[in-house]
């Protein structure tokens, strides 16, 4: 759509300059170009803000991931995945993401 608007702006400038001269012919084409610049700026800003919010949400979700671990003869539930130690046995539930390198038996 933006390409079509840019092409329309170019055609409008050319036709306007031919028919009305430089004094008035460039105005319609310039208005279209200004509209395209405004649209691109607003869209880019909106996309940047959404990406920033998504990164923040994704980081907080990664920090909040809890797992159940069998350690020292007892089950430790709701332990942060950053607190897993060597020798821990991870208790898997449906839909769990494995935050470890280890042996699956």
Protein backbone atom coordinates (compact mmCIF):
# COMPACT_ATOMS: atom_id res chain seq x y z
CA UNK A 1 0.00 0.00 0.00
CA UNK A 2 2.84 2.40 0.85
CA UNK A 3 4.50 1.70 -2.50
CA UNK A 4 1.27 2.57 -4.28
CA UNK A 5 1.02 5.80 -2.28
CA UNK A 6 4.64 6.71 -3.11
CA UNK A 7 3.99 6.03 -6.79
CA UNK A 8 0.81 8.13 -6.62
CA UNK A 9 2.79 10.96 -4.99
CA UNK A 10 5.39 10.87 -7.77
CA UNK A 11 2.70 10.89 -10.46
CA UNK A 12 0.84 13.68 -8.68
CA UNK A 13 3.98 15.81 -8.46
CA UNK A 14 4.81 15.26 -12.14
CA UNK A 15 1.27 15.94 -13.37
CA UNK A 16 0.84 18.90 -11.01
CA UNK A 17 4.10 20.53 -12.10
CA UNK A 18 3.23 20.02 -15.77
CA UNK A 19 -0.28 21.47 -15.43
CA UNK A 20 0.15 24.12 -12.71
CA UNK A 21 3.89 24.82 -12.59
CA UNK A 22 6.23 24.59 -9.58
CA UNK A 23 4.36 27.13 -7.50
CA UNK A 24 1.22 24.99 -7.00
CA UNK A 25 1.92 21.65 -8.70
CA UNK A 26 3.98 20.00 -5.99
CA UNK A 27 1.49 20.49 -3.13
CA UNK A 28 -0.72 17.40 -3.65
CA UNK A 29 2.25 15.10 -4.11
CA UNK A 30 3.98 16.54 -1.06
CA UNK A 31 0.81 16.00 1.00
CA UNK A 32 0.78 12.32 0.00
CA UNK A 33 4.47 11.97 0.91
CA UNK A 34 3.87 13.62 4.29
CA UNK A 35 0.99 11.20 4.94
CA UNK A 36 3.26 8.24 4.07
CA UNK A 37 5.97 9.54 6.43
CA UNK A 38 3.44 9.93 9.25
CA UNK A 39 2.08 6.41 8.69
CA UNK A 40 5.56 4.88 8.63
CA UNK A 41 6.63 6.76 11.77
CA UNK A 42 3.53 5.78 13.75
CA UNK A 43 3.75 2.14 12.64
CA UNK A 44 7.47 1.88 13.44
CA UNK A 45 6.97 3.44 16.87
CA UNK A 46 4.06 1.12 17.63
CA UNK A 47 6.03 -1.96 16.53
CA UNK A 48 9.02 -0.89 18.63
CA UNK A 49 6.87 -0.43 21.73
CA UNK A 50 5.20 -3.81 21.25
CA UNK A 51 8.57 -5.53 20.77
CA UNK A 52 9.88 -3.86 23.93
CA UNK A 53 6.84 -5.02 25.91
CA UNK A 54 7.19 -8.55 24.51
CA UNK A 55 10.88 -8.73 25.52
CA UNK A 56 9.99 -7.54 29.04
CA UNK A 57 7.17 -10.09 29.34
CA UNK A 58 9.32 -12.88 27.95
CA UNK A 59 12.15 -12.09 30.39
CA UNK A 60 9.80 -12.07 33.37
CA UNK A 61 8.21 -15.36 32.26
CA UNK A 62 11.65 -16.97 31.96
CA UNK A 63 12.58 -15.84 35.47
CA UNK A 64 9.36 -17.13 36.98
CA UNK A 65 9.62 -20.71 35.65
CA UNK A 66 9.22 -23.16 38.55
CA UNK A 67 10.08 -26.87 38.59
CA UNK A 68 9.73 -29.81 40.97
CA UNK A 69 12.97 -31.49 42.02
CA UNK A 70 13.75 -34.64 44.01
CA UNK A 71 16.70 -33.69 46.25
CA UNK A 72 18.06 -35.28 49.43
CA UNK A 73 15.23 -37.81 49.67
CA UNK A 74 12.39 -35.30 49.46
CA UNK A 75 10.47 -33.46 46.77
CA UNK A 76 11.08 -29.72 46.51
CA UNK A 77 8.22 -28.27 44.51
CA UNK A 78 8.06 -24.77 43.05
CA UNK A 79 11.83 -24.37 42.94
CA UNK A 80 13.24 -21.83 40.49
CA UNK A 81 14.91 -23.42 37.49
CA UNK A 82 18.03 -21.36 38.32
CA UNK A 83 18.38 -23.28 41.62
CA UNK A 84 18.77 -26.76 40.05
CA UNK A 85 21.97 -28.46 41.19
CA UNK A 86 24.07 -31.33 39.88
CA UNK A 87 22.52 -34.60 41.07
CA UNK A 88 18.96 -33.28 41.32
CA UNK A 89 16.24 -35.42 39.80
CA UNK A 90 13.75 -33.31 37.89
CA UNK A 91 10.11 -34.34 38.18
CA UNK A 92 8.44 -33.78 34.82
CA UNK A 93 4.83 -32.78 34.35
CA UNK A 94 2.86 -32.40 31.15
CA UNK A 95 3.97 -29.32 29.23
CA UNK A 96 7.18 -28.75 31.20
CA UNK A 97 10.18 -27.22 29.47
CA UNK A 98 13.46 -28.87 30.43
CA UNK A 99 15.79 -26.13 31.69
CA UNK A 100 18.72 -28.53 32.06
CA UNK A 101 21.39 -30.54 30.34
CA UNK A 102 21.24 -34.07 31.64
CA UNK A 103 20.36 -37.68 31.18
CA UNK A 104 16.77 -38.69 30.49
CA UNK A 105 15.98 -42.24 31.58
